[in-house]
Protein backbone atom coordinates (compact mmCIF):
# COMPACT_ATOMS: atom_id res chain seq x y z
CA MET A 1 -0.25 0.05 -0.08
CA ALA A 2 1.16 3.55 -0.62
CA SER A 3 2.47 5.58 1.92
CA TRP A 4 -0.76 7.92 2.20
CA GLY A 5 -2.85 4.75 2.69
CA LYS A 6 -6.21 3.51 1.33
CA LEU A 7 -7.85 6.77 -0.31
CA THR A 8 -11.63 7.23 0.50
CA PHE A 9 -13.73 8.12 -2.78
CA ALA A 10 -13.67 11.72 -2.14
CA GLN A 11 -9.95 11.66 -1.46
CA LYS A 12 -9.07 9.72 -4.79
CA LYS A 13 -11.64 12.15 -6.54
CA CYS A 14 -9.39 15.00 -5.18
CA VAL A 15 -6.09 13.20 -5.99
CA THR A 16 -7.05 12.10 -9.37
CA ALA A 17 -8.86 15.36 -10.61
CA THR A 18 -5.82 17.11 -9.84
CA GLY A 19 -3.41 14.79 -11.58
CA LYS A 20 -5.60 15.00 -14.75
CA LEU A 21 -5.77 18.73 -14.79
CA MET A 22 -2.04 19.24 -14.41
CA GLN A 23 -1.47 16.71 -17.13
CA ARG A 24 -3.91 18.25 -19.13
CA THR A 25 -2.29 22.06 -18.89
CA ASP A 26 1.40 20.92 -18.83
CA MET A 27 1.30 22.58 -15.06
CA VAL A 28 4.66 21.40 -14.09
CA SER A 29 7.77 19.65 -15.47
CA LYS A 30 11.18 17.99 -14.35
CA GLY A 31 12.67 20.25 -11.70
CA ALA A 32 9.79 22.24 -10.85
CA ARG A 33 10.18 24.21 -7.77
CA ILE A 34 6.74 24.94 -6.23
CA GLY A 35 5.66 27.12 -3.70
CA LEU A 36 2.15 26.26 -2.08
CA ALA A 37 0.14 29.49 -0.96
CA ILE A 38 -1.43 27.91 2.26
CA SER A 39 -3.88 30.38 4.01
CA GLY A 40 -4.94 27.69 6.62
CA GLY A 41 -8.44 27.15 5.24
CA VAL A 42 -9.85 24.23 4.14
CA ASP A 43 -9.14 24.93 0.17
CA SER A 44 -5.44 25.57 0.80
CA PHE A 45 -4.51 23.06 3.18
CA LEU A 46 -6.73 20.10 0.90
CA MET A 47 -4.36 21.31 -1.90
CA LEU A 48 -1.29 21.23 0.01
CA LYS A 49 -2.11 17.50 1.39
CA VAL A 50 -3.33 16.37 -2.47
CA MET A 51 0.10 17.93 -3.78
CA THR A 52 2.20 15.94 -1.41
CA ILE A 53 0.76 12.80 -2.77
CA ARG A 54 0.91 14.00 -6.54
CA LYS A 55 4.57 14.84 -5.79
CA ALA A 56 4.99 10.94 -5.09
CA ILE A 57 3.20 9.97 -8.06
CA MET A 58 4.89 12.11 -10.51
CA PRO A 59 7.09 10.27 -13.06
CA PHE A 60 9.93 13.27 -12.34
CA PRO A 61 11.11 14.96 -9.31
CA VAL A 62 9.64 18.44 -8.07
CA GLU A 63 10.08 20.16 -4.83
CA LEU A 64 7.54 21.78 -2.82
CA MET A 65 7.85 24.70 -0.06
CA VAL A 66 5.00 25.63 2.21
CA LEU A 67 4.44 29.78 1.80
CA HIS A 68 2.14 31.27 4.67
CA VAL A 69 1.66 34.85 5.04
CA ASN A 70 -0.36 35.59 8.42
CA PRO A 71 -2.67 38.64 7.75
CA GLY A 72 -2.28 39.26 11.59
CA PHE A 73 -5.75 38.86 13.12
CA SER A 74 -4.55 35.95 14.99
CA PRO A 75 -0.86 35.79 15.17
CA GLU A 76 -0.63 32.30 16.55
CA SER A 77 -2.94 30.66 14.10
CA HIS A 78 -0.65 29.06 11.98
CA GLU A 79 0.92 26.93 14.75
CA PRO A 80 -1.02 23.90 13.51
CA LEU A 81 0.76 24.25 10.01
CA VAL A 82 4.11 24.68 11.43
CA ARG A 83 3.47 21.40 12.89
CA TRP A 84 2.05 19.86 10.13
CA CYS A 85 4.70 20.73 7.86
CA ALA A 86 7.43 19.46 10.49
CA ASP A 87 5.56 16.05 10.61
CA ASN A 88 5.57 15.83 6.70
CA GLY A 89 9.21 16.73 6.27
CA LEU A 90 8.17 20.01 3.98
CA ALA A 91 10.29 23.23 3.79
CA ALA A 92 7.95 26.22 4.80
CA HIS A 93 8.36 29.97 5.43
CA ILE A 94 5.84 31.33 7.66
CA GLU A 95 5.40 35.22 7.93
CA LEU A 96 3.43 37.35 10.44
CA THR A 97 2.15 40.40 8.81
CA ASP A 98 -0.37 43.48 9.68
CA PHE A 99 -2.11 43.40 6.31
CA GLY A 100 -5.46 42.25 7.61
CA PRO A 101 -5.84 44.98 10.60
CA ARG A 102 -4.39 47.76 8.38
CA ALA A 103 -6.82 47.03 5.53
CA HIS A 104 -9.65 48.10 7.79
CA THR A 105 -7.96 51.40 8.53
CA GLU A 106 -7.87 54.67 6.95
CA GLU A 107 -4.89 53.81 5.15
CA ASN A 108 -7.00 51.85 2.75
CA ARG A 109 -9.77 54.46 1.61
CA LYS A 110 -9.79 53.10 -2.26
CA ASN A 111 -10.44 49.71 -1.98
CA SER A 112 -12.27 46.80 -0.03
CA PRO A 113 -10.45 45.57 2.79
CA CYS A 114 -10.37 42.20 1.17
CA PHE A 115 -9.10 43.41 -1.81
CA TRP A 116 -6.28 45.62 -0.15
CA CYS A 117 -5.40 42.82 2.19
CA ALA A 118 -5.10 39.89 -1.02
CA MET A 119 -3.18 42.36 -3.03
CA GLN A 120 -0.81 43.10 -0.33
CA ARG A 121 -0.47 39.21 0.53
CA ARG A 122 -0.09 38.20 -3.37
CA LYS A 123 2.68 40.69 -3.57
CA ARG A 124 4.69 39.13 -0.69
CA LEU A 125 4.19 35.66 -2.12
CA PHE A 126 5.37 36.94 -5.50
CA GLU A 127 8.57 38.36 -3.57
CA LEU A 128 9.13 35.18 -1.61
CA CYS A 129 9.26 33.04 -4.95
CA ARG A 130 11.82 35.22 -6.33
CA ASP A 131 13.76 35.28 -2.96
CA TYR A 132 13.63 31.18 -2.92
CA GLY A 133 14.00 30.98 -6.62
CA LEU A 134 10.67 29.24 -6.91
CA THR A 135 9.07 28.58 -10.59
CA HIS A 136 5.32 28.03 -9.61
CA LEU A 137 3.19 29.37 -7.08
CA ALA A 138 -0.07 27.24 -6.18
CA PHE A 139 -3.19 28.45 -4.93
CA GLY A 140 -6.04 26.25 -3.65
CA HIS A 141 -9.04 27.58 -5.80
CA ASN A 142 -11.51 25.24 -6.53
CA ALA A 143 -14.34 25.02 -9.26
CA ASP A 144 -16.79 27.19 -6.84
CA ASP A 145 -14.04 29.79 -6.85
CA ASN A 146 -14.02 29.63 -10.42
CA VAL A 147 -17.45 30.28 -10.85
CA VAL A 148 -17.88 32.84 -8.68
CA THR A 149 -14.79 34.94 -10.07
CA PHE A 150 -16.49 34.32 -13.64
CA PHE A 151 -19.47 36.15 -12.69
CA MET A 152 -18.10 38.78 -10.35
CA ASN A 153 -16.07 39.80 -13.93
CA MET A 154 -18.97 39.98 -15.89
CA VAL A 155 -20.93 42.07 -13.14
CA GLN A 156 -18.23 44.10 -12.10
CA ASN A 157 -15.63 44.22 -14.93
CA GLY A 158 -17.69 43.37 -18.12
CA ARG A 159 -15.65 40.34 -18.70
CA ALA A 160 -16.32 36.74 -19.21
CA ASP A 161 -13.33 35.58 -17.52
CA GLY A 162 -12.98 33.33 -14.73
CA LEU A 163 -9.58 31.75 -13.00
CA SER A 164 -6.74 30.35 -14.91
CA ALA A 165 -5.45 27.11 -14.52
CA ASN A 166 -1.78 27.93 -15.32
CA GLU A 167 -0.75 31.37 -16.05
CA PRO A 168 2.72 32.81 -16.75
CA PHE A 169 3.71 35.83 -14.74
CA PHE A 170 7.07 38.14 -15.11
CA GLY A 171 7.89 36.90 -18.77
CA GLY A 172 7.37 33.64 -17.75
CA LYS A 173 9.80 33.18 -14.68
CA LEU A 174 6.94 32.22 -12.56
CA ASN A 175 3.87 30.27 -13.40
CA VAL A 176 0.61 30.69 -11.12
CA ILE A 177 -1.05 27.37 -11.02
CA ARG A 178 -4.59 26.07 -9.53
CA PRO A 179 -4.07 22.25 -9.41
CA THR A 180 -7.57 21.69 -7.66
CA MET A 181 -9.72 23.89 -10.04
CA LEU A 182 -11.64 21.04 -11.19
CA LEU A 183 -12.84 20.07 -7.42
CA ASP A 184 -16.10 21.27 -6.23
CA LYS A 185 -16.13 22.44 -2.78
CA LYS A 186 -18.38 19.83 -1.18
CA THR A 187 -15.78 17.14 -2.29
CA VAL A 188 -12.81 19.56 -1.06
CA ILE A 189 -14.60 19.58 2.45
CA LYS A 190 -15.49 16.05 2.63
CA ALA A 191 -12.02 14.83 1.76
CA ALA A 192 -10.25 17.52 4.19
CA THR A 193 -12.27 16.20 7.06
CA GLN A 194 -11.48 12.50 6.30
CA TRP A 195 -7.83 13.48 6.28
CA GLU A 196 -8.77 15.30 9.72
CA LEU A 197 -6.23 18.13 8.05
CA PRO A 198 -5.86 21.06 10.95
CA ILE A 199 -7.64 23.72 9.46
CA TRP A 200 -8.31 26.96 11.57
CA GLU A 201 -10.82 29.43 11.35
CA ASN A 202 -10.99 33.03 9.25
CA VAL A 203 -11.35 35.61 11.94
CA CYS A 204 -11.19 38.43 9.53
CA PRO A 205 -14.15 40.65 10.73
CA SER A 206 -14.93 40.87 6.62
CA ASN A 207 -15.46 37.20 6.36
CA GLY A 208 -18.98 36.61 5.05
CA PHE A 209 -19.96 40.19 4.03
CA THR A 210 -17.88 40.58 0.73
CA LYS A 211 -18.89 40.93 -2.73
CA ARG A 212 -17.74 37.48 -3.36
CA ASP A 213 -20.10 36.20 -0.83
CA GLU A 214 -22.97 38.38 -2.12
CA ILE A 215 -22.55 36.94 -5.80
CA HIS A 216 -21.96 33.26 -4.06
CA GLU A 217 -25.31 33.51 -2.49
CA TRP A 218 -27.18 34.94 -5.76
CA LEU A 219 -25.65 31.87 -7.65
CA ARG A 220 -27.48 29.39 -4.75
CA THR A 221 -30.30 30.94 -5.20
CA MET A 222 -30.69 30.26 -9.12
CA TRP A 223 -29.74 26.39 -8.37
CA ARG A 224 -31.25 26.01 -5.20
CA HIS A 225 -34.12 23.82 -6.60
CA ASP A 226 -32.64 22.55 -9.87
CA LYS A 227 -29.11 20.79 -9.74
CA ARG A 228 -28.98 20.63 -13.30
CA ILE A 229 -28.27 24.43 -13.32
CA LYS A 230 -25.38 24.11 -11.08
CA ASN A 231 -23.92 21.47 -12.94
CA ASN A 232 -24.45 23.26 -16.31
CA ILE A 233 -22.93 26.42 -14.97
CA PHE A 234 -19.77 24.64 -13.55
CA ASN A 235 -19.19 22.64 -16.67
CA ALA A 236 -19.52 25.36 -18.82
CA VAL A 237 -17.14 27.99 -16.84
CA THR A 238 -14.70 25.17 -15.87
CA ARG A 239 -14.81 23.91 -19.57
CA GLN A 240 -14.30 27.36 -20.78
CA GLN A 241 -11.10 28.43 -18.39
CA VAL A 242 -9.51 24.78 -18.91
CA ASP A 243 -9.45 25.25 -22.71
CA LEU A 244 -8.24 28.31 -22.55
CA THR A 245 -5.35 27.51 -20.04
CA SER A 246 -4.78 24.55 -22.60
CA LYS A 247 -4.32 26.87 -25.52
CA LYS A 248 -1.96 28.74 -23.83
CA VAL A 249 0.76 25.96 -23.04
């Protein structure tokens, strides 16, 4: 039996779907040095677990490094991640910032707190990738995130555009990848629970009150009484974004 043991149906689906997307979009190649952006939420922690399994399955060597930029609402919240990385032999950069509290002050007058905080954290992640010589930066966005982003862009920016599975930055020096983008949220939560991942609560005061939350609730009302609507939306948006990525590589 493999070192990760027997997988449940949900866990196997996560591992298989991730491998399928990585292969279809030529996501990584031999010698890739992948930074895993881990917030501590269920999506990113599930990606972390799945990528450790995919690393063992890949026919070529890659390196994984955990990157965690704590926004500063709970300075000790990342301690479970530190222990998990140590137990699983993973290199990690854990950094405490004040981005979250600052996003809710007068310093940030033009943007929403979530936009400003996310922008600062992503900028810092890009810097860490440069400093550590990483070739890829992986985010744990799933199919639900892709759909919500697609509709947010249509409503707010007039663009029919979701998340990219594999996108080059800085002239190709860094690729931003989303290995778990084919997974629906329900499967992610189920597999993460079965793996007993040490996920911690998001204590940001804006959590649950963002434009993204509003769009997601609107979408839920559309498919609440007809699952076919949800399946059709997810399939259409996912197919478009994966096809666009596949044509780029």
